[in-house]
Amino acid sequence: MPAAPAFPGGAAPPNVASMAPIPTPPAEPQDSPDRYVGLAAEAAERQARDHGWSTVRSLPPGAMITMEYLAGRLNLEVEEGVVTRSWKG
């Protein structure tokens, strides 16, 4: 029977039982993104943080952004200083 491949430095292979648990994402605020549409950008950002959003991102219309979902993040599309669209993630 062939020997198992050696790990660097002669270390033993990792033990699956000792791996870290899968993290639980934080709960999102119980807040509707629609409530920020029509507000001045600065007021919307301040209110969003006060309502528990951990990250508030203001973006110009048509901005290129990554599509990964980040729990607790609120995106605000801002045109001429006013929120025109708002969504989670």
Protein backbone atom coordinates (compact mmCIF):
# COMPACT_ATOMS: atom_id res chain seq x y z
CA MET A 1 0.00 0.00 0.00
CA PRO A 2 1.47 3.41 -0.98
CA ALA A 3 2.26 5.91 1.79
CA ALA A 4 0.14 9.05 2.14
CA PRO A 5 1.78 12.17 0.74
CA ALA A 6 3.74 14.16 3.33
CA PHE A 7 2.69 17.67 4.32
CA PRO A 8 5.29 20.47 4.42
CA GLY A 9 7.63 20.18 7.38
CA GLY A 10 6.31 16.70 8.17
CA ALA A 11 3.10 18.16 9.63
CA ALA A 12 0.04 15.97 9.95
CA PRO A 13 -2.89 16.57 7.60
CA PRO A 14 -5.52 18.97 8.94
CA ASN A 15 -8.21 17.52 11.18
CA VAL A 16 -11.65 18.38 9.83
CA ALA A 17 -13.08 18.36 13.35
CA SER A 18 -10.80 21.26 14.32
CA MET A 19 -11.83 23.60 11.50
CA ALA A 20 -13.49 26.91 12.36
CA PRO A 21 -17.29 27.01 12.25
CA ILE A 22 -19.04 28.68 9.34
CA PRO A 23 -19.68 32.30 10.38
CA THR A 24 -23.23 33.49 10.85
CA PRO A 25 -23.85 36.81 9.09
CA PRO A 26 -25.14 39.64 11.26
CA ALA A 27 -28.85 40.36 11.22
CA GLU A 28 -29.89 43.13 8.88
CA PRO A 29 -31.76 46.15 10.20
CA GLN A 30 -35.54 45.88 10.04
CA ASP A 31 -35.66 48.92 7.80
CA SER A 32 -37.00 49.49 4.29
CA PRO A 33 -34.49 50.90 1.79
CA ASP A 34 -37.38 52.73 0.11
CA ARG A 35 -37.62 55.14 3.05
CA TYR A 36 -34.41 56.89 1.92
CA VAL A 37 -35.52 57.74 -1.61
CA GLY A 38 -36.12 61.48 -1.95
CA LEU A 39 -33.96 62.43 1.07
CA ALA A 40 -30.85 64.58 0.89
CA ALA A 41 -27.82 62.27 0.66
CA GLU A 42 -26.21 63.39 3.94
CA ALA A 43 -29.48 63.04 5.89
CA ALA A 44 -30.11 59.61 4.35
CA GLU A 45 -26.63 58.37 5.27
CA ARG A 46 -26.99 59.62 8.85
CA GLN A 47 -30.47 58.08 9.26
CA ALA A 48 -29.33 54.77 7.75
CA ARG A 49 -26.47 54.48 10.26
CA ASP A 50 -28.83 55.45 13.09
CA HIS A 51 -31.18 52.63 11.97
CA GLY A 52 -28.39 50.04 12.19
CA TRP A 53 -26.86 49.79 8.71
CA SER A 54 -23.18 48.96 9.26
CA THR A 55 -22.10 50.22 5.83
CA VAL A 56 -23.76 52.97 3.80
CA ARG A 57 -22.49 53.49 0.27
CA SER A 58 -23.45 56.55 -1.84
CA LEU A 59 -23.05 56.05 -5.57
CA PRO A 60 -23.57 58.20 -8.65
CA PRO A 61 -26.16 56.98 -11.20
CA GLY A 62 -24.82 54.14 -13.36
CA ALA A 63 -21.74 53.56 -11.19
CA MET A 64 -19.94 50.29 -11.84
CA ILE A 65 -19.97 48.23 -8.63
CA THR A 66 -19.28 44.66 -7.64
CA MET A 67 -22.34 42.47 -7.23
CA GLU A 68 -21.38 40.61 -4.04
CA TYR A 69 -23.99 40.79 -1.33
CA LEU A 70 -22.80 42.23 1.97
CA ALA A 71 -25.24 41.87 4.86
CA GLY A 72 -25.81 45.16 6.65
CA ARG A 73 -24.84 47.34 3.68
CA LEU A 74 -27.20 49.93 2.22
CA ASN A 75 -26.53 51.36 -1.23
CA LEU A 76 -27.79 54.81 -2.08
CA GLU A 77 -27.83 56.09 -5.66
CA VAL A 78 -27.43 59.86 -5.40
CA GLU A 79 -28.11 62.42 -8.12
CA GLU A 80 -27.66 66.15 -7.48
CA GLY A 81 -27.46 65.51 -3.73
CA VAL A 82 -30.74 63.55 -3.50
CA VAL A 83 -31.22 59.78 -3.11
CA THR A 84 -32.97 58.47 -6.24
CA ARG A 85 -32.67 54.73 -5.51
CA SER A 86 -31.78 52.58 -2.51
CA TRP A 87 -31.15 48.83 -2.06
CA LYS A 88 -29.64 46.29 0.34
CA GLY A 89 -26.34 44.54 -0.09
